[in-house]
Protein backbone atom coordinates (compact mmCIF):
# COMPACT_ATOMS: atom_id res chain seq x y z
CA UNK A 1 133.58 99.73 62.18
CA UNK A 2 136.63 101.79 61.11
CA UNK A 3 136.10 105.53 60.80
CA UNK A 4 136.81 105.36 57.06
CA UNK A 5 134.07 102.80 56.35
CA UNK A 6 131.32 103.86 53.98
CA UNK A 7 127.65 103.07 54.36
CA UNK A 8 126.15 100.16 52.45
CA UNK A 9 123.94 101.90 49.85
CA UNK A 10 121.63 98.89 49.73
CA UNK A 11 120.39 99.76 53.23
CA UNK A 12 119.56 103.42 52.63
CA UNK A 13 117.56 105.72 50.38
CA UNK A 14 118.78 109.16 49.33
CA UNK A 15 118.54 111.78 52.03
CA UNK A 16 116.13 114.74 52.09
CA UNK A 17 117.02 118.07 50.55
CA UNK A 18 118.65 120.67 52.79
CA UNK A 19 119.32 124.33 52.08
CA UNK A 20 122.93 125.65 51.88
CA UNK A 21 123.03 126.48 55.59
CA UNK A 22 123.34 122.78 56.42
CA UNK A 23 126.30 120.44 56.12
CA UNK A 24 125.00 116.86 56.04
CA UNK A 25 127.24 113.99 57.15
CA UNK A 26 126.67 110.25 56.77
CA UNK A 27 128.15 108.92 60.01
CA UNK A 28 128.14 110.03 63.64
CA UNK A 29 131.91 110.10 63.83
CA UNK A 30 132.02 112.69 61.03
CA UNK A 31 130.02 115.19 63.09
CA UNK A 32 131.23 117.60 65.76
CA UNK A 33 130.45 115.66 68.90
CA UNK A 34 131.32 117.75 71.93
CA UNK A 35 131.58 115.96 75.30
CA UNK A 36 129.62 116.81 78.44
CA UNK A 37 131.00 119.95 80.02
CA UNK A 38 132.10 121.53 76.74
CA UNK A 39 130.64 125.06 76.24
CA UNK A 40 129.04 123.98 72.95
CA UNK A 41 127.71 120.60 74.10
CA UNK A 42 124.18 121.78 74.89
CA UNK A 43 124.01 124.06 71.85
CA UNK A 44 124.99 121.20 69.56
CA UNK A 45 122.51 118.85 71.26
CA UNK A 46 119.64 121.28 70.65
CA UNK A 47 120.74 121.87 67.04
CA UNK A 48 120.77 118.11 66.42
CA UNK A 49 117.35 117.69 68.02
CA UNK A 50 115.95 120.49 65.87
CA UNK A 51 117.07 118.70 62.72
CA UNK A 52 115.76 115.35 63.95
CA UNK A 53 112.30 116.84 64.49
CA UNK A 54 112.36 118.10 60.89
CA UNK A 55 113.36 114.60 59.77
CA UNK A 56 110.41 113.18 61.73
CA UNK A 57 108.10 115.60 59.91
CA UNK A 58 109.55 114.59 56.56
CA UNK A 59 109.16 110.87 57.26
CA UNK A 60 105.51 111.22 58.32
CA UNK A 61 104.81 113.38 55.27
CA UNK A 62 106.38 110.72 53.04
CA UNK A 63 104.01 108.15 54.57
CA UNK A 64 101.08 110.34 53.56
CA UNK A 65 102.35 110.85 50.02
CA UNK A 66 103.61 107.30 49.44
CA UNK A 67 100.53 105.50 50.81
CA UNK A 68 97.50 107.54 49.69
CA UNK A 69 95.17 104.54 50.05
CA UNK A 70 95.85 104.06 53.76
CA UNK A 71 92.80 104.23 56.01
CA UNK A 72 91.57 107.74 56.66
CA UNK A 73 91.96 107.53 60.45
CA UNK A 74 95.60 106.50 60.10
CA UNK A 75 96.24 109.30 57.61
CA UNK A 76 94.80 111.76 60.12
CA UNK A 77 97.18 110.47 62.80
CA UNK A 78 100.10 110.89 60.40
CA UNK A 79 98.96 114.42 59.59
CA UNK A 80 98.83 115.20 63.30
CA UNK A 81 102.33 113.82 63.69
CA UNK A 82 103.50 116.14 60.90
CA UNK A 83 102.02 119.11 62.77
CA UNK A 84 103.57 117.99 66.07
CA UNK A 85 107.03 117.49 64.58
CA UNK A 86 106.86 120.91 62.89
CA UNK A 87 105.98 122.51 66.23
CA UNK A 88 108.83 120.65 67.93
CA UNK A 89 111.25 121.89 65.28
CA UNK A 90 110.19 125.48 65.92
CA UNK A 91 110.50 124.91 69.68
CA UNK A 92 114.04 123.64 69.35
CA UNK A 93 114.99 126.48 67.00
CA UNK A 94 113.81 129.05 69.54
CA UNK A 95 115.73 127.22 72.27
CA UNK A 96 118.82 127.04 70.04
CA UNK A 97 118.75 130.77 69.37
CA UNK A 98 118.16 131.53 73.06
CA UNK A 99 121.43 129.67 73.74
CA UNK A 100 123.28 131.81 71.21
CA UNK A 101 123.29 129.21 68.45
CA UNK A 102 122.02 129.41 64.89
CA UNK A 103 120.63 127.11 62.21
CA UNK A 104 123.41 125.33 60.35
CA UNK A 105 125.98 125.89 63.08
CA UNK A 106 126.87 122.19 63.22
CA UNK A 107 126.82 119.29 60.75
CA UNK A 108 123.67 117.16 60.84
CA UNK A 109 122.70 113.56 60.15
CA UNK A 110 119.67 112.40 58.17
CA UNK A 111 120.03 108.67 58.81
CA UNK A 112 116.52 108.28 60.24
CA UNK A 113 115.00 109.44 56.95
CA UNK A 114 117.34 107.27 54.91
CA UNK A 115 116.61 104.15 57.00
CA UNK A 116 112.87 104.60 57.58
CA UNK A 117 111.99 105.32 53.97
CA UNK A 118 113.93 102.27 52.80
CA UNK A 119 110.98 100.24 54.10
CA UNK A 120 108.54 99.62 51.26
CA UNK A 121 105.42 99.17 53.41
CA UNK A 122 103.59 101.54 55.70
CA UNK A 123 103.64 99.04 58.56
CA UNK A 124 107.40 98.73 58.10
CA UNK A 125 107.88 102.48 58.37
CA UNK A 126 105.64 102.74 61.43
CA UNK A 127 107.65 99.93 63.01
CA UNK A 128 110.98 101.68 62.47
CA UNK A 129 110.02 105.31 63.00
CA UNK A 130 107.38 105.20 65.70
CA UNK A 131 107.79 101.87 67.49
CA UNK A 132 111.62 101.99 67.47
CA UNK A 133 113.20 105.42 67.04
CA UNK A 134 110.43 107.36 68.78
CA UNK A 135 109.92 104.68 71.42
CA UNK A 136 113.61 105.01 72.29
CA UNK A 137 113.08 108.75 72.37
CA UNK A 138 110.49 108.35 75.12
CA UNK A 139 113.22 107.17 77.49
CA UNK A 140 115.64 109.91 76.43
CA UNK A 141 113.16 112.79 76.65
CA UNK A 142 111.81 111.58 79.98
CA UNK A 143 115.33 111.40 81.41
CA UNK A 144 116.28 114.84 80.09
CA UNK A 145 113.10 116.37 81.52
CA UNK A 146 113.87 114.92 84.97
CA UNK A 147 117.49 116.10 84.83
CA UNK A 148 116.51 119.61 83.79
CA UNK A 149 113.84 119.80 86.47
CA UNK A 150 116.34 118.66 89.11
CA UNK A 151 118.66 121.47 88.01
CA UNK A 152 115.93 123.99 88.82
CA UNK A 153 114.92 124.94 85.27
CA UNK A 154 111.18 124.30 85.49
CA UNK A 155 110.41 126.13 82.22
CA UNK A 156 112.78 123.96 80.18
CA UNK A 157 111.47 120.84 81.94
CA UNK A 158 107.96 121.80 80.82
CA UNK A 159 109.34 122.12 77.28
CA UNK A 160 110.50 118.50 77.30
CA UNK A 161 107.35 117.29 79.08
CA UNK A 162 105.23 118.71 76.26
CA UNK A 163 107.42 116.97 73.70
CA UNK A 164 107.12 113.68 75.61
CA UNK A 165 103.32 113.91 75.63
CA UNK A 166 103.28 114.21 71.83
CA UNK A 167 105.76 111.38 71.33
CA UNK A 168 103.64 109.07 73.49
CA UNK A 169 100.72 109.64 71.12
CA UNK A 170 102.90 108.99 68.08
CA UNK A 171 104.08 105.68 69.44
CA UNK A 172 100.62 104.69 70.63
CA UNK A 173 98.81 105.13 67.33
CA UNK A 174 101.58 103.19 65.56
CA UNK A 175 101.32 100.37 68.09
CA UNK A 176 97.58 100.17 67.51
CA UNK A 177 97.86 100.08 63.73
CA UNK A 178 100.79 97.66 63.67
CA UNK A 179 98.88 95.24 65.89
CA UNK A 180 95.87 95.56 63.62
CA UNK A 181 98.04 94.78 60.59
CA UNK A 182 99.40 91.64 62.29
CA UNK A 183 95.91 90.53 63.27
CA UNK A 184 94.70 90.94 59.69
CA UNK A 185 97.78 89.27 58.19
CA UNK A 186 100.09 87.35 60.57
CA UNK A 187 102.77 87.28 57.86
CA UNK A 188 103.23 90.99 58.52
CA UNK A 189 105.12 90.04 61.68
CA UNK A 190 107.76 88.21 59.65
CA UNK A 191 108.10 91.16 57.28
CA UNK A 192 108.48 93.50 60.24
CA UNK A 193 111.28 91.33 61.60
CA UNK A 194 113.12 91.53 58.29
CA UNK A 195 112.70 95.30 58.13
CA UNK A 196 113.96 95.69 61.69
CA UNK A 197 117.05 93.59 61.03
CA UNK A 198 117.97 95.76 58.07
CA UNK A 199 117.30 98.92 60.07
CA UNK A 200 119.49 97.70 62.95
CA UNK A 201 122.39 96.99 60.59
CA UNK A 202 122.00 100.39 58.95
CA UNK A 203 121.85 102.15 62.33
CA UNK A 204 125.02 100.36 63.42
CA UNK A 205 126.84 101.54 60.30
CA UNK A 206 125.83 105.17 60.92
CA UNK A 207 126.57 105.31 64.63
CA UNK A 208 129.44 102.85 64.99
CA UNK A 209 130.70 101.99 68.44
CA UNK A 210 131.82 105.63 68.81
CA UNK A 211 128.24 106.87 68.76
CA UNK A 212 126.71 104.26 71.06
CA UNK A 213 129.29 103.55 73.76
CA UNK A 214 128.30 105.14 77.04
CA UNK A 215 124.90 106.24 75.70
CA UNK A 216 121.97 104.75 77.59
CA UNK A 217 118.87 106.03 79.34
CA UNK A 218 116.71 104.48 82.05
CA UNK A 219 113.62 102.89 80.53
CA UNK A 220 110.46 104.85 81.30
CA UNK A 221 108.15 101.87 81.63
CA UNK A 222 105.11 104.02 82.43
CA UNK A 223 105.59 106.15 79.31
CA UNK A 224 105.97 103.04 77.18
CA UNK A 225 102.78 101.53 78.63
CA UNK A 226 100.93 104.79 77.97
CA UNK A 227 102.32 104.58 74.43
CA UNK A 228 100.62 101.24 73.86
CA UNK A 229 103.32 98.74 74.74
CA UNK A 230 102.27 95.91 77.03
CA UNK A 231 103.73 95.75 80.55
CA UNK A 232 105.73 92.72 79.40
CA UNK A 233 107.18 94.65 76.46
CA UNK A 234 108.05 97.58 78.75
CA UNK A 235 109.80 95.27 81.22
CA UNK A 236 111.68 93.58 78.40
CA UNK A 237 112.90 96.99 77.16
CA UNK A 238 114.10 97.78 80.70
CA UNK A 239 115.95 94.48 80.93
CA UNK A 240 117.68 95.09 77.60
CA UNK A 241 118.69 98.61 78.67
CA UNK A 242 119.96 97.35 82.03
CA UNK A 243 122.10 94.65 80.43
CA UNK A 244 123.52 97.15 77.95
CA UNK A 245 124.39 99.60 80.74
CA UNK A 246 126.11 96.88 82.77
CA UNK A 247 128.11 95.80 79.73
CA UNK A 248 129.26 99.36 79.13
CA UNK A 249 130.35 99.63 82.75
CA UNK A 250 132.29 96.39 82.47
CA UNK A 251 130.07 94.60 84.99
CA UNK A 252 128.36 92.20 82.66
CA UNK A 253 127.77 91.12 79.12
CA UNK A 254 124.97 92.21 76.79
């Protein structure tokens, strides 16, 4: 997609409010994306993660407000997710400031909020937020934790391990409730497929090839199984990631 392309408004809702410290962009290419090795690369990464945790909090809170008749147990899980995401946001802010950064230092994206809340059903939102975005985050956080630990920073590795433990719970409760919804109404599976197709198109418009080329993480099959995916689903995710990595390296096709 050319850099000048605009997003299709039919695929997104309006973004969340941000105070004047933040500059919000619509597409990845419009942000300041520093490469590995740049002095600001890690600072920008932490700043982006901080904002994404706030977005996760906002999406879970919207589920509570938009679906007040959801079962009490599910509402409690969503409330816990709100608390977890708030704690993660504070953790990343402290880390950001320890690196010499500050809130609002870099432009941010809110595409997760705009894509997730486009779904009109609770099962649709759980499918996009928890079973897709956060499930992908399991692989990323696990990889970052291992890399940081290998570098000798055990304290920072513990930071990411604690985040991973929370994300596993978020994905697991969504998996349980989505499967229950399908069991109660098999047509929910078709609706989920439609929601995911729209979300994938919207994600592609935000990130473009610029934001996805060269970005892949090894699949943490054990974390995905702990998060409620079946072994077959975890293996399938690994196969997809492996094919994508080979395609990026020029050794195969996706």
